[in-house]
Amino acid sequence: MSVPETDRSEFARDLLQLAAESYEQAQRNRVNFAKAARRHGITFRDIADAYGVTEGAIRKMLRRAEDNS
């Protein structure tokens, strides 16, 4: 018995939606963890090293988060 193509497409769309939601939550977590790290005296450089990005990227991420709050 085969699965109708429309069911497969709907399933694939559901997976994509789940992936998008997971990605958005991960982004929020990264910002929140970086904010917490800064409150505890962790440098932008150390956060950047932990995230595998540049110090400038961390500064920009936190500045953007501050502007959106």
N, C-alpha and C. Protein backbone atom coordinates (compact mmCIF):
# COMPACT_ATOMS: atom_id res chain seq x y z
N MET A 1 0.85 -1.17 0.00
CA MET A 1 0.00 0.00 0.00
C MET A 1 0.89 1.24 0.00
N SER A 2 0.66 2.15 -0.90
CA SER A 2 1.50 3.35 -0.99
C SER A 2 0.79 4.53 -0.33
N VAL A 3 1.61 5.48 0.08
CA VAL A 3 1.09 6.69 0.72
C VAL A 3 0.83 7.72 -0.38
N PRO A 4 -0.35 8.32 -0.38
CA PRO A 4 -0.64 9.33 -1.40
C PRO A 4 0.37 10.47 -1.37
N GLU A 5 0.68 11.01 -2.53
CA GLU A 5 1.67 12.08 -2.66
C GLU A 5 1.29 13.30 -1.83
N THR A 6 0.00 13.61 -1.72
CA THR A 6 -0.42 14.77 -0.93
C THR A 6 -0.08 14.58 0.55
N ASP A 7 -0.19 13.35 1.06
CA ASP A 7 0.17 13.08 2.45
C ASP A 7 1.66 13.27 2.66
N ARG A 8 2.46 12.84 1.70
CA ARG A 8 3.91 13.01 1.80
C ARG A 8 4.28 14.49 1.79
N SER A 9 3.63 15.24 0.93
CA SER A 9 3.90 16.69 0.85
C SER A 9 3.52 17.38 2.15
N GLU A 10 2.38 17.02 2.70
CA GLU A 10 1.95 17.62 3.95
C GLU A 10 2.93 17.28 5.08
N PHE A 11 3.37 16.03 5.10
CA PHE A 11 4.35 15.59 6.10
C PHE A 11 5.64 16.38 5.96
N ALA A 12 6.11 16.56 4.74
CA ALA A 12 7.35 17.31 4.48
C ALA A 12 7.19 18.76 4.92
N ARG A 13 6.03 19.36 4.65
CA ARG A 13 5.78 20.74 5.08
C ARG A 13 5.78 20.84 6.61
N ASP A 14 5.18 19.85 7.27
CA ASP A 14 5.17 19.83 8.73
C ASP A 14 6.60 19.75 9.28
N LEU A 15 7.44 18.94 8.65
CA LEU A 15 8.83 18.84 9.08
C LEU A 15 9.57 20.17 8.91
N LEU A 16 9.32 20.83 7.79
CA LEU A 16 9.95 22.13 7.56
C LEU A 16 9.50 23.16 8.59
N GLN A 17 8.23 23.13 8.94
CA GLN A 17 7.72 24.06 9.96
C GLN A 17 8.38 23.77 11.31
N LEU A 18 8.50 22.51 11.65
CA LEU A 18 9.15 22.13 12.91
C LEU A 18 10.60 22.58 12.93
N ALA A 19 11.29 22.41 11.81
CA ALA A 19 12.69 22.84 11.72
C ALA A 19 12.80 24.36 11.88
N ALA A 20 11.88 25.11 11.28
CA ALA A 20 11.90 26.57 11.39
C ALA A 20 11.68 27.00 12.84
N GLU A 21 10.73 26.36 13.51
CA GLU A 21 10.46 26.68 14.91
C GLU A 21 11.65 26.34 15.80
N SER A 22 12.29 25.22 15.55
CA SER A 22 13.46 24.82 16.33
C SER A 22 14.61 25.80 16.12
N TYR A 23 14.79 26.24 14.89
CA TYR A 23 15.85 27.19 14.57
C TYR A 23 15.61 28.52 15.29
N GLU A 24 14.37 29.00 15.26
CA GLU A 24 14.04 30.26 15.92
C GLU A 24 14.27 30.16 17.43
N GLN A 25 13.91 29.03 18.03
CA GLN A 25 14.12 28.84 19.46
C GLN A 25 15.61 28.80 19.78
N ALA A 26 16.39 28.14 18.93
CA ALA A 26 17.84 28.08 19.14
C ALA A 26 18.45 29.48 19.07
N GLN A 27 17.97 30.30 18.14
CA GLN A 27 18.47 31.68 18.05
C GLN A 27 18.17 32.46 19.32
N ARG A 28 16.94 32.33 19.83
CA ARG A 28 16.59 33.01 21.08
C ARG A 28 17.46 32.53 22.24
N ASN A 29 17.70 31.23 22.29
CA ASN A 29 18.54 30.67 23.35
C ASN A 29 19.96 31.23 23.28
N ARG A 30 20.52 31.31 22.09
CA ARG A 30 21.87 31.84 21.94
C ARG A 30 21.96 33.26 22.48
N VAL A 31 20.97 34.08 22.15
CA VAL A 31 20.95 35.46 22.63
C VAL A 31 20.83 35.48 24.15
N ASN A 32 19.90 34.71 24.68
CA ASN A 32 19.69 34.70 26.14
C ASN A 32 20.92 34.20 26.88
N PHE A 33 21.56 33.17 26.36
CA PHE A 33 22.77 32.65 27.02
C PHE A 33 23.90 33.67 26.95
N ALA A 34 24.02 34.36 25.82
CA ALA A 34 25.07 35.38 25.68
C ALA A 34 24.81 36.54 26.64
N LYS A 35 23.55 36.95 26.78
CA LYS A 35 23.22 38.02 27.73
C LYS A 35 23.59 37.60 29.15
N ALA A 36 23.24 36.38 29.51
CA ALA A 36 23.56 35.88 30.84
C ALA A 36 25.07 35.83 31.05
N ALA A 37 25.79 35.39 30.05
CA ALA A 37 27.25 35.32 30.15
C ALA A 37 27.84 36.71 30.38
N ARG A 38 27.33 37.70 29.66
CA ARG A 38 27.82 39.07 29.83
C ARG A 38 27.54 39.58 31.25
N ARG A 39 26.35 39.26 31.77
CA ARG A 39 26.02 39.68 33.14
C ARG A 39 26.98 39.07 34.16
N HIS A 40 27.56 37.94 33.82
CA HIS A 40 28.50 37.26 34.71
C HIS A 40 29.96 37.57 34.38
N GLY A 41 30.15 38.59 33.56
CA GLY A 41 31.50 39.08 33.30
C GLY A 41 32.26 38.38 32.18
N ILE A 42 31.59 37.53 31.42
CA ILE A 42 32.26 36.86 30.31
C ILE A 42 32.44 37.86 29.17
N THR A 43 33.61 37.86 28.56
CA THR A 43 33.91 38.83 27.50
C THR A 43 33.21 38.46 26.20
N PHE A 44 33.07 39.47 25.35
CA PHE A 44 32.53 39.23 24.01
C PHE A 44 33.39 38.20 23.28
N ARG A 45 34.71 38.30 23.45
CA ARG A 45 35.64 37.38 22.80
C ARG A 45 35.38 35.94 23.25
N ASP A 46 35.21 35.72 24.55
CA ASP A 46 34.97 34.36 25.05
C ASP A 46 33.65 33.80 24.55
N ILE A 47 32.62 34.64 24.49
CA ILE A 47 31.33 34.20 23.95
C ILE A 47 31.48 33.85 22.48
N ALA A 48 32.19 34.70 21.75
CA ALA A 48 32.40 34.46 20.32
C ALA A 48 33.14 33.15 20.10
N ASP A 49 34.16 32.90 20.90
CA ASP A 49 34.91 31.65 20.78
C ASP A 49 34.01 30.45 21.05
N ALA A 50 33.16 30.56 22.05
CA ALA A 50 32.25 29.46 22.38
C ALA A 50 31.25 29.20 21.26
N TYR A 51 30.80 30.26 20.60
CA TYR A 51 29.81 30.13 19.53
C TYR A 51 30.45 29.90 18.16
N GLY A 52 31.77 30.06 18.08
CA GLY A 52 32.43 29.85 16.80
C GLY A 52 32.19 30.97 15.79
N VAL A 53 32.04 32.20 16.33
CA VAL A 53 31.82 33.36 15.47
C VAL A 53 32.79 34.46 15.91
N THR A 54 32.69 35.60 15.25
CA THR A 54 33.57 36.71 15.60
C THR A 54 33.01 37.51 16.77
N GLU A 55 33.89 38.25 17.41
CA GLU A 55 33.48 39.13 18.50
C GLU A 55 32.47 40.16 17.98
N GLY A 56 32.71 40.65 16.78
CA GLY A 56 31.79 41.61 16.17
C GLY A 56 30.39 41.02 15.98
N ALA A 57 30.33 39.75 15.64
CA ALA A 57 29.02 39.10 15.45
C ALA A 57 28.26 39.04 16.78
N ILE A 58 28.97 38.80 17.86
CA ILE A 58 28.33 38.76 19.17
C ILE A 58 27.84 40.14 19.56
N ARG A 59 28.68 41.14 19.37
CA ARG A 59 28.27 42.51 19.69
C ARG A 59 27.02 42.90 18.89
N LYS A 60 27.03 42.56 17.61
CA LYS A 60 25.90 42.88 16.75
C LYS A 60 24.64 42.13 17.19
N MET A 61 24.78 40.86 17.52
CA MET A 61 23.65 40.05 17.96
C MET A 61 23.02 40.66 19.22
N LEU A 62 23.86 41.04 20.19
CA LEU A 62 23.33 41.59 21.44
C LEU A 62 22.77 43.00 21.24
N ARG A 63 23.38 43.77 20.37
CA ARG A 63 22.87 45.11 20.08
C ARG A 63 21.50 44.99 19.41
N ARG A 64 21.38 44.08 18.47
CA ARG A 64 20.10 43.86 17.78
C ARG A 64 19.02 43.42 18.76
N ALA A 65 19.40 42.52 19.67
CA ALA A 65 18.45 42.03 20.67
C ALA A 65 17.98 43.16 21.58
N GLU A 66 18.92 44.04 21.93
CA GLU A 66 18.59 45.18 22.78
C GLU A 66 17.64 46.14 22.05
N ASP A 67 17.89 46.37 20.77
CA ASP A 67 17.06 47.26 19.96
C ASP A 67 15.64 46.71 19.80
N ASN A 68 15.51 45.38 19.79
CA ASN A 68 14.20 44.75 19.59
C ASN A 68 13.44 44.52 20.89
N SER A 69 14.02 44.89 22.01
CA SER A 69 13.32 44.65 23.29
C SER A 69 12.61 45.87 23.78
